[in-house]
């Protein structure tokens, strides 16, 4: 996994790889954000891009596997298994991603009684042959699709934190 990728000043030299590093602010304390993350059974109703979602395990703890299909605003679908490696309540989640994407991801949380800052980092490699070929000629389009899914996830999560749940 990712062994073929050369690194140059921290940036991947392969169009098949997406490196992501961003911090998001949520208007709730860390404990409230974490409590919402524990509602794994609601994820597929929160996000229209998430299909065929299931959980194998006991929530946010090491060894739990999240299975699903990601349907970005582009004409492809990605089947993924996310294996939780490390889960420290209200502090961090570290995971390995397998399937049509391969890589590692980490979310860390910091905050106070008013807001939480969630720092998201991951490096994922596209494994589907059509995606790899498209990345060589249209990487900006694939990155745009990736970033739209992330933006939709964050926006949707903010709505659910605000009590605007529609189940």
N, C-alpha and C. Protein backbone atom coordinates (compact mmCIF):
# COMPACT_ATOMS: atom_id res chain seq x y z
N UNK A 1 0.84 -1.19 0.00
CA UNK A 1 0.00 0.00 0.00
C UNK A 1 0.88 1.24 0.00
N UNK A 2 0.70 2.10 -0.93
CA UNK A 2 1.39 3.38 -1.05
C UNK A 2 2.89 3.26 -1.17
N UNK A 3 3.43 2.04 -1.28
CA UNK A 3 4.88 1.90 -1.36
C UNK A 3 5.44 2.43 -2.67
N UNK A 4 4.60 2.46 -3.71
CA UNK A 4 5.06 2.95 -5.01
C UNK A 4 5.10 4.47 -5.07
N UNK A 5 4.56 5.13 -4.07
CA UNK A 5 4.43 6.58 -4.11
C UNK A 5 5.69 7.24 -3.55
N UNK A 6 6.31 8.07 -4.36
CA UNK A 6 7.46 8.83 -3.88
C UNK A 6 6.95 10.13 -3.27
N UNK A 7 7.58 10.56 -2.23
CA UNK A 7 7.19 11.80 -1.56
C UNK A 7 8.21 12.88 -1.89
N UNK A 8 7.70 14.04 -2.23
CA UNK A 8 8.56 15.18 -2.51
C UNK A 8 8.00 16.33 -1.68
N UNK A 9 8.73 16.77 -0.70
CA UNK A 9 8.31 17.83 0.22
C UNK A 9 6.89 17.60 0.75
N UNK A 10 6.60 16.35 1.14
CA UNK A 10 5.32 16.05 1.77
C UNK A 10 4.15 15.92 0.81
N UNK A 11 4.38 16.05 -0.48
CA UNK A 11 3.30 15.98 -1.45
C UNK A 11 3.48 14.71 -2.28
N UNK A 12 2.41 13.99 -2.50
CA UNK A 12 2.47 12.77 -3.28
C UNK A 12 2.86 13.07 -4.71
N UNK A 13 3.68 12.20 -5.27
CA UNK A 13 4.05 12.37 -6.68
C UNK A 13 3.19 11.50 -7.58
N UNK A 14 2.13 10.90 -7.05
CA UNK A 14 1.25 10.04 -7.84
C UNK A 14 -0.15 10.65 -7.90
N UNK A 15 -0.73 10.65 -9.09
CA UNK A 15 -2.09 11.15 -9.25
C UNK A 15 -3.11 10.18 -8.64
N UNK A 16 -2.67 8.96 -8.31
CA UNK A 16 -3.57 7.96 -7.74
C UNK A 16 -3.81 8.17 -6.25
N UNK A 17 -3.10 9.11 -5.65
CA UNK A 17 -3.14 9.30 -4.20
C UNK A 17 -3.73 10.66 -3.85
N UNK A 18 -4.59 10.65 -2.85
CA UNK A 18 -5.13 11.91 -2.31
C UNK A 18 -4.63 12.05 -0.88
N UNK A 19 -3.94 13.14 -0.63
CA UNK A 19 -3.52 13.48 0.73
C UNK A 19 -4.42 14.62 1.20
N UNK A 20 -4.93 14.48 2.40
CA UNK A 20 -5.90 15.46 2.91
C UNK A 20 -5.48 15.87 4.31
N UNK A 21 -5.59 17.17 4.60
CA UNK A 21 -5.24 17.70 5.91
C UNK A 21 -6.03 18.98 6.12
N UNK A 22 -7.03 18.91 6.98
CA UNK A 22 -7.87 20.09 7.20
C UNK A 22 -8.47 20.05 8.60
N UNK A 23 -8.72 21.22 9.15
CA UNK A 23 -9.35 21.34 10.46
C UNK A 23 -10.70 22.01 10.30
N UNK A 24 -11.71 21.43 10.96
CA UNK A 24 -13.08 21.94 10.94
C UNK A 24 -13.49 22.33 12.35
N UNK A 25 -14.28 23.39 12.46
CA UNK A 25 -14.77 23.83 13.76
C UNK A 25 -16.27 23.55 13.85
N UNK A 26 -16.68 22.98 14.98
CA UNK A 26 -18.08 22.67 15.23
C UNK A 26 -18.52 23.42 16.48
N UNK A 27 -19.72 24.01 16.47
CA UNK A 27 -20.17 24.87 17.57
C UNK A 27 -20.74 24.13 18.78
N UNK A 28 -20.05 23.05 19.18
CA UNK A 28 -20.47 22.27 20.35
C UNK A 28 -19.23 21.78 21.09
N UNK A 29 -19.36 21.47 22.39
CA UNK A 29 -18.23 20.88 23.12
C UNK A 29 -17.86 19.51 22.56
N UNK A 30 -16.64 19.07 22.83
CA UNK A 30 -16.16 17.79 22.33
C UNK A 30 -17.07 16.64 22.76
N UNK A 31 -17.52 16.66 24.00
CA UNK A 31 -18.38 15.57 24.50
C UNK A 31 -19.66 15.44 23.68
N UNK A 32 -20.24 16.56 23.29
CA UNK A 32 -21.46 16.53 22.49
C UNK A 32 -21.18 16.01 21.08
N UNK A 33 -20.08 16.44 20.50
CA UNK A 33 -19.70 15.96 19.17
C UNK A 33 -19.45 14.46 19.21
N UNK A 34 -18.71 13.99 20.21
CA UNK A 34 -18.41 12.56 20.33
C UNK A 34 -19.69 11.75 20.49
N UNK A 35 -20.62 12.24 21.30
CA UNK A 35 -21.89 11.53 21.50
C UNK A 35 -22.63 11.36 20.17
N UNK A 36 -22.57 12.37 19.30
CA UNK A 36 -23.23 12.27 18.00
C UNK A 36 -22.50 11.27 17.10
N UNK A 37 -21.16 11.24 17.18
CA UNK A 37 -20.40 10.27 16.39
C UNK A 37 -20.74 8.83 16.78
N UNK A 38 -21.14 8.62 18.01
CA UNK A 38 -21.49 7.28 18.47
C UNK A 38 -22.78 6.76 17.84
N UNK A 39 -23.54 7.62 17.18
CA UNK A 39 -24.81 7.24 16.56
C UNK A 39 -24.56 6.64 15.17
N UNK A 40 -23.73 5.62 15.12
CA UNK A 40 -23.35 5.00 13.85
C UNK A 40 -24.56 4.52 13.04
N UNK A 41 -25.60 4.08 13.72
CA UNK A 41 -26.76 3.56 13.01
C UNK A 41 -27.52 4.64 12.23
N UNK A 42 -27.21 5.91 12.45
CA UNK A 42 -27.87 7.00 11.73
C UNK A 42 -27.06 7.53 10.55
N UNK A 43 -25.82 7.11 10.41
CA UNK A 43 -24.95 7.68 9.39
C UNK A 43 -25.57 7.66 7.99
N UNK A 44 -26.13 6.53 7.58
CA UNK A 44 -26.65 6.45 6.21
C UNK A 44 -27.86 7.34 5.99
N UNK A 45 -28.60 7.67 7.04
CA UNK A 45 -29.72 8.60 6.88
C UNK A 45 -29.25 10.06 6.89
N UNK A 46 -28.08 10.30 7.42
CA UNK A 46 -27.55 11.67 7.47
C UNK A 46 -26.92 12.10 6.15
N UNK A 47 -26.30 11.16 5.45
CA UNK A 47 -25.50 11.52 4.28
C UNK A 47 -25.99 10.77 3.05
N UNK A 48 -26.46 11.52 2.07
CA UNK A 48 -27.01 10.91 0.85
C UNK A 48 -25.94 10.19 0.03
N UNK A 49 -24.68 10.52 0.22
CA UNK A 49 -23.61 9.89 -0.54
C UNK A 49 -23.23 8.51 0.00
N UNK A 50 -23.73 8.14 1.20
CA UNK A 50 -23.36 6.88 1.84
C UNK A 50 -24.44 5.82 1.59
N UNK A 51 -24.05 4.72 0.98
CA UNK A 51 -24.99 3.65 0.63
C UNK A 51 -24.51 2.33 1.25
N UNK A 52 -25.44 1.41 1.41
CA UNK A 52 -25.14 0.05 1.86
C UNK A 52 -24.26 0.06 3.11
N UNK A 53 -24.56 0.92 4.07
CA UNK A 53 -23.74 1.09 5.26
C UNK A 53 -24.08 0.04 6.31
N UNK A 54 -23.04 -0.55 6.90
CA UNK A 54 -23.23 -1.48 8.00
C UNK A 54 -22.02 -1.41 8.93
N UNK A 55 -22.23 -1.86 10.15
CA UNK A 55 -21.19 -1.83 11.17
C UNK A 55 -20.96 -3.24 11.68
N UNK A 56 -19.71 -3.62 11.74
CA UNK A 56 -19.31 -4.92 12.28
C UNK A 56 -18.48 -4.62 13.53
N UNK A 57 -19.09 -4.76 14.70
CA UNK A 57 -18.39 -4.45 15.94
C UNK A 57 -19.28 -3.68 16.89
N UNK A 58 -18.65 -3.13 17.91
CA UNK A 58 -19.39 -2.46 18.99
C UNK A 58 -19.14 -0.96 19.04
N UNK A 59 -19.36 -0.28 17.96
CA UNK A 59 -19.24 1.18 17.98
C UNK A 59 -17.81 1.66 17.77
N UNK A 60 -17.53 2.81 18.31
CA UNK A 60 -16.22 3.43 18.12
C UNK A 60 -15.21 2.82 19.09
N UNK A 61 -14.68 1.67 18.67
CA UNK A 61 -13.64 1.01 19.44
C UNK A 61 -12.75 0.23 18.49
N UNK A 62 -11.50 -0.01 18.89
CA UNK A 62 -10.59 -0.74 18.01
C UNK A 62 -11.18 -2.07 17.56
N UNK A 63 -11.01 -2.35 16.26
CA UNK A 63 -11.51 -3.58 15.69
C UNK A 63 -12.85 -3.45 14.98
N UNK A 64 -13.60 -2.42 15.28
CA UNK A 64 -14.87 -2.21 14.59
C UNK A 64 -14.59 -1.93 13.11
N UNK A 65 -15.43 -2.47 12.24
CA UNK A 65 -15.29 -2.24 10.81
C UNK A 65 -16.56 -1.60 10.29
N UNK A 66 -16.41 -0.48 9.60
CA UNK A 66 -17.52 0.21 8.96
C UNK A 66 -17.47 -0.14 7.48
N UNK A 67 -18.57 -0.68 6.96
CA UNK A 67 -18.66 -1.06 5.55
C UNK A 67 -19.62 -0.09 4.86
N UNK A 68 -19.30 0.30 3.63
CA UNK A 68 -20.22 1.15 2.90
C UNK A 68 -19.78 1.41 1.48
N UNK A 69 -20.66 2.07 0.76
CA UNK A 69 -20.39 2.48 -0.61
C UNK A 69 -20.49 4.00 -0.64
N UNK A 70 -19.47 4.65 -1.16
CA UNK A 70 -19.44 6.10 -1.31
C UNK A 70 -19.86 6.43 -2.73
N UNK A 71 -20.86 7.32 -2.85
CA UNK A 71 -21.36 7.74 -4.15
C UNK A 71 -21.16 9.25 -4.29
N UNK A 72 -19.97 9.67 -4.78
CA UNK A 72 -19.71 11.10 -4.94
C UNK A 72 -20.48 11.68 -6.13
N UNK A 73 -20.42 13.00 -6.31
CA UNK A 73 -21.15 13.61 -7.44
C UNK A 73 -20.43 13.41 -8.78
N UNK A 74 -19.91 12.22 -8.98
CA UNK A 74 -19.24 11.84 -10.22
C UNK A 74 -19.73 10.44 -10.58
N UNK A 75 -19.55 10.00 -11.81
CA UNK A 75 -20.13 8.71 -12.23
C UNK A 75 -19.31 7.48 -11.80
N UNK A 76 -19.01 7.37 -10.53
CA UNK A 76 -18.37 6.15 -10.03
C UNK A 76 -18.77 5.95 -8.58
N UNK A 77 -18.62 4.74 -8.11
CA UNK A 77 -18.94 4.37 -6.73
C UNK A 77 -17.72 3.67 -6.16
N UNK A 78 -17.53 3.81 -4.85
CA UNK A 78 -16.40 3.17 -4.20
C UNK A 78 -16.89 2.35 -3.00
N UNK A 79 -16.56 1.08 -3.01
CA UNK A 79 -16.88 0.19 -1.89
C UNK A 79 -15.70 0.26 -0.91
N UNK A 80 -16.01 0.53 0.36
CA UNK A 80 -14.96 0.72 1.36
C UNK A 80 -15.23 -0.06 2.64
N UNK A 81 -14.15 -0.46 3.29
CA UNK A 81 -14.18 -1.01 4.63
C UNK A 81 -13.21 -0.14 5.44
N UNK A 82 -13.71 0.43 6.53
CA UNK A 82 -12.89 1.27 7.40
C UNK A 82 -12.71 0.51 8.71
N UNK A 83 -11.47 0.13 9.00
CA UNK A 83 -11.14 -0.64 10.19
C UNK A 83 -10.60 0.33 11.25
N UNK A 84 -11.31 0.43 12.36
CA UNK A 84 -10.88 1.34 13.43
C UNK A 84 -9.72 0.70 14.19
N UNK A 85 -8.60 1.41 14.22
CA UNK A 85 -7.40 0.92 14.91
C UNK A 85 -7.28 1.48 16.32
N UNK A 86 -7.62 2.74 16.46
CA UNK A 86 -7.44 3.43 17.73
C UNK A 86 -8.62 4.37 17.92
N UNK A 87 -9.27 4.30 19.06
CA UNK A 87 -10.37 5.19 19.38
C UNK A 87 -10.24 5.60 20.84
N UNK A 88 -9.88 6.83 21.04
CA UNK A 88 -9.81 7.38 22.39
C UNK A 88 -10.95 8.37 22.50
N UNK A 89 -11.97 8.05 23.31
CA UNK A 89 -13.16 8.91 23.40
C UNK A 89 -12.81 10.39 23.58
N UNK A 90 -13.44 11.19 22.72
CA UNK A 90 -13.31 12.64 22.73
C UNK A 90 -11.91 13.13 22.39
N UNK A 91 -11.01 12.24 21.92
CA UNK A 91 -9.65 12.64 21.58
C UNK A 91 -9.26 12.31 20.15
N UNK A 92 -9.43 11.02 19.74
CA UNK A 92 -8.99 10.67 18.38
C UNK A 92 -9.60 9.35 17.90
N UNK A 93 -9.61 9.23 16.57
CA UNK A 93 -9.97 8.01 15.88
C UNK A 93 -8.92 7.81 14.79
N UNK A 94 -8.31 6.64 14.77
CA UNK A 94 -7.36 6.29 13.71
C UNK A 94 -7.88 5.04 13.03
N UNK A 95 -7.77 5.00 11.70
CA UNK A 95 -8.34 3.88 10.96
C UNK A 95 -7.54 3.58 9.71
N UNK A 96 -7.73 2.34 9.22
CA UNK A 96 -7.20 1.93 7.93
C UNK A 96 -8.38 1.78 6.98
N UNK A 97 -8.17 2.19 5.75
CA UNK A 97 -9.22 2.14 4.73
C UNK A 97 -8.83 1.07 3.71
N UNK A 98 -9.80 0.20 3.37
CA UNK A 98 -9.55 -0.88 2.40
C UNK A 98 -10.69 -0.91 1.39
N UNK A 99 -10.39 -1.46 0.24
CA UNK A 99 -11.39 -1.60 -0.80
C UNK A 99 -10.98 -0.82 -2.04
N UNK A 100 -11.91 -0.04 -2.58
CA UNK A 100 -11.62 0.75 -3.76
C UNK A 100 -10.67 1.91 -3.46
N UNK A 101 -10.50 2.20 -2.19
CA UNK A 101 -9.47 3.13 -1.71
C UNK A 101 -8.66 2.37 -0.66
N UNK A 102 -7.36 2.61 -0.61
CA UNK A 102 -6.50 2.00 0.40
C UNK A 102 -5.71 3.11 1.07
N UNK A 103 -5.62 3.06 2.39
CA UNK A 103 -4.83 4.06 3.06
C UNK A 103 -5.09 4.11 4.55
N UNK A 104 -4.78 5.26 5.11
CA UNK A 104 -4.93 5.47 6.55
C UNK A 104 -5.54 6.84 6.79
N UNK A 105 -6.31 6.92 7.87
CA UNK A 105 -6.98 8.19 8.21
C UNK A 105 -6.90 8.41 9.72
N UNK A 106 -6.98 9.67 10.11
CA UNK A 106 -6.95 10.02 11.52
C UNK A 106 -7.78 11.27 11.75
N UNK A 107 -8.61 11.24 12.80
CA UNK A 107 -9.36 12.41 13.26
C UNK A 107 -8.95 12.68 14.69
N UNK A 108 -8.59 13.91 14.98
CA UNK A 108 -8.29 14.29 16.36
C UNK A 108 -9.22 15.44 16.75
N UNK A 109 -9.53 15.50 18.03
CA UNK A 109 -10.50 16.48 18.52
C UNK A 109 -9.90 17.27 19.67
N UNK A 110 -10.10 18.58 19.61
CA UNK A 110 -9.73 19.48 20.69
C UNK A 110 -10.83 20.51 20.83
N UNK A 111 -11.01 21.00 22.04
CA UNK A 111 -12.05 22.00 22.20
C UNK A 111 -12.21 22.46 23.63
N UNK A 112 -13.28 23.20 23.82
CA UNK A 112 -13.61 23.73 25.13
C UNK A 112 -15.11 23.57 25.34
N UNK A 113 -15.70 24.36 26.21
CA UNK A 113 -17.14 24.24 26.50
C UNK A 113 -18.02 24.84 25.40
N UNK A 114 -17.40 25.46 24.40
CA UNK A 114 -18.16 26.15 23.36
C UNK A 114 -18.02 25.51 21.98
N UNK A 115 -16.81 25.06 21.63
CA UNK A 115 -16.60 24.53 20.29
C UNK A 115 -15.57 23.42 20.27
N UNK A 116 -15.60 22.68 19.16
CA UNK A 116 -14.65 21.60 18.94
C UNK A 116 -13.94 21.83 17.62
N UNK A 117 -12.65 21.59 17.62
CA UNK A 117 -11.88 21.59 16.39
C UNK A 117 -11.53 20.14 16.07
N UNK A 118 -11.96 19.71 14.90
CA UNK A 118 -11.69 18.35 14.44
C UNK A 118 -10.65 18.44 13.32
N UNK A 119 -9.51 17.81 13.54
CA UNK A 119 -8.44 17.82 12.55
C UNK A 119 -8.47 16.48 11.81
N UNK A 120 -8.70 16.53 10.51
CA UNK A 120 -8.82 15.34 9.67
C UNK A 120 -7.60 15.23 8.76
N UNK A 121 -6.96 14.06 8.79
CA UNK A 121 -5.85 13.81 7.87
C UNK A 121 -6.01 12.40 7.31
N UNK A 122 -5.71 12.24 6.04
CA UNK A 122 -5.65 10.91 5.47
C UNK A 122 -4.83 10.92 4.20
N UNK A 123 -4.35 9.74 3.89
CA UNK A 123 -3.68 9.48 2.62
C UNK A 123 -4.33 8.23 2.08
N UNK A 124 -4.96 8.37 0.92
CA UNK A 124 -5.67 7.25 0.31
C UNK A 124 -5.24 7.10 -1.14
N UNK A 125 -5.15 5.86 -1.56
CA UNK A 125 -4.78 5.55 -2.93
C UNK A 125 -5.98 4.94 -3.64
N UNK A 126 -6.28 5.46 -4.81
CA UNK A 126 -7.38 4.93 -5.62
C UNK A 126 -6.96 3.59 -6.22
N UNK A 127 -7.79 2.57 -6.03
CA UNK A 127 -7.44 1.23 -6.48
C UNK A 127 -8.19 0.80 -7.73
N UNK A 128 -9.35 1.38 -8.03
CA UNK A 128 -10.10 1.00 -9.22
C UNK A 128 -9.35 1.44 -10.47
N UNK A 129 -9.21 0.54 -11.40
CA UNK A 129 -8.50 0.87 -12.65
C UNK A 129 -9.09 2.10 -13.34
N UNK A 130 -10.42 2.21 -13.51
CA UNK A 130 -10.97 3.41 -14.17
C UNK A 130 -10.64 4.71 -13.41
N UNK A 131 -10.66 4.64 -12.08
CA UNK A 131 -10.32 5.84 -11.29
C UNK A 131 -8.85 6.20 -11.47
N UNK A 132 -7.99 5.19 -11.49
CA UNK A 132 -6.56 5.45 -11.65
C UNK A 132 -6.28 6.07 -13.02
N UNK A 133 -6.95 5.56 -14.04
CA UNK A 133 -6.76 6.11 -15.39
C UNK A 133 -7.30 7.54 -15.44
N UNK A 134 -8.48 7.76 -14.86
CA UNK A 134 -9.06 9.11 -14.85
C UNK A 134 -8.17 10.08 -14.08
N UNK A 135 -7.55 9.61 -13.00
CA UNK A 135 -6.69 10.49 -12.20
C UNK A 135 -5.50 11.00 -13.00
N UNK A 136 -5.06 10.20 -13.94
CA UNK A 136 -3.90 10.62 -14.74
C UNK A 136 -4.24 11.77 -15.69
N UNK A 137 -5.52 11.84 -16.10
CA UNK A 137 -5.90 12.89 -17.05
C UNK A 137 -6.84 13.94 -16.44
N UNK A 138 -7.47 13.60 -15.32
CA UNK A 138 -8.46 14.53 -14.74
C UNK A 138 -8.38 14.56 -13.22
N UNK A 139 -7.15 14.60 -12.68
CA UNK A 139 -7.00 14.61 -11.23
C UNK A 139 -7.82 15.72 -10.56
N UNK A 140 -7.84 16.94 -11.10
CA UNK A 140 -8.64 18.00 -10.45
C UNK A 140 -10.11 17.63 -10.30
N UNK A 141 -10.67 16.92 -11.28
CA UNK A 141 -12.07 16.52 -11.21
C UNK A 141 -12.27 15.48 -10.10
N UNK A 142 -11.38 14.51 -10.00
CA UNK A 142 -11.49 13.50 -8.93
C UNK A 142 -11.30 14.14 -7.56
N UNK A 143 -10.35 15.06 -7.46
CA UNK A 143 -10.13 15.76 -6.18
C UNK A 143 -11.36 16.60 -5.83
N UNK A 144 -11.98 17.23 -6.83
CA UNK A 144 -13.20 18.00 -6.61
C UNK A 144 -14.29 17.09 -6.04
N UNK A 145 -14.47 15.89 -6.61
CA UNK A 145 -15.47 14.95 -6.11
C UNK A 145 -15.18 14.54 -4.67
N UNK A 146 -13.93 14.27 -4.37
CA UNK A 146 -13.52 13.93 -3.00
C UNK A 146 -13.87 15.06 -2.05
N UNK A 147 -13.48 16.27 -2.42
CA UNK A 147 -13.70 17.42 -1.53
C UNK A 147 -15.18 17.73 -1.36
N UNK A 148 -16.02 17.49 -2.40
CA UNK A 148 -17.47 17.70 -2.25
C UNK A 148 -18.06 16.72 -1.25
N UNK A 149 -17.60 15.46 -1.26
CA UNK A 149 -18.08 14.49 -0.29
C UNK A 149 -17.67 14.91 1.13
N UNK A 150 -16.44 15.37 1.30
CA UNK A 150 -16.00 15.84 2.62
C UNK A 150 -16.84 17.03 3.06
N UNK A 151 -17.03 18.01 2.18
CA UNK A 151 -17.83 19.19 2.52
C UNK A 151 -19.26 18.81 2.90
N UNK A 152 -19.86 17.89 2.14
CA UNK A 152 -21.23 17.46 2.43
C UNK A 152 -21.29 16.74 3.78
N UNK A 153 -20.26 15.98 4.09
CA UNK A 153 -20.20 15.28 5.37
C UNK A 153 -20.15 16.27 6.53
N UNK A 154 -19.27 17.24 6.42
CA UNK A 154 -19.11 18.23 7.49
C UNK A 154 -20.38 19.07 7.63
N UNK A 155 -20.93 19.55 6.51
CA UNK A 155 -22.15 20.36 6.57
C UNK A 155 -23.31 19.57 7.17
N UNK A 156 -23.46 18.32 6.75
CA UNK A 156 -24.51 17.48 7.28
C UNK A 156 -24.33 17.21 8.76
N UNK A 157 -23.09 16.97 9.16
CA UNK A 157 -22.82 16.72 10.58
C UNK A 157 -23.13 17.96 11.42
N UNK A 158 -22.79 19.14 10.91
CA UNK A 158 -23.13 20.38 11.62
C UNK A 158 -24.65 20.51 11.80
N UNK A 159 -25.43 20.17 10.77
CA UNK A 159 -26.89 20.23 10.87
C UNK A 159 -27.39 19.29 11.96
N UNK A 160 -26.85 18.09 12.01
CA UNK A 160 -27.31 17.12 13.00
C UNK A 160 -26.88 17.50 14.41
N UNK A 161 -25.76 18.16 14.53
CA UNK A 161 -25.34 18.66 15.84
C UNK A 161 -26.27 19.76 16.33
N UNK A 162 -26.82 20.51 15.39
CA UNK A 162 -27.69 21.62 15.75
C UNK A 162 -29.10 21.21 16.08
N UNK A 163 -29.37 19.90 16.04
CA UNK A 163 -30.71 19.43 16.39
C UNK A 163 -31.67 19.42 15.23
N UNK A 164 -31.17 19.60 14.01
CA UNK A 164 -32.03 19.61 12.83
C UNK A 164 -32.18 18.21 12.24
N UNK A 165 -32.09 17.18 13.08
CA UNK A 165 -32.20 15.80 12.59
C UNK A 165 -33.57 15.56 11.98
N UNK A 166 -33.55 14.96 10.83
CA UNK A 166 -34.77 14.49 10.20
C UNK A 166 -34.53 13.00 9.94
N UNK A 167 -35.14 12.17 10.74
CA UNK A 167 -34.87 10.73 10.63
C UNK A 167 -35.96 10.05 9.92
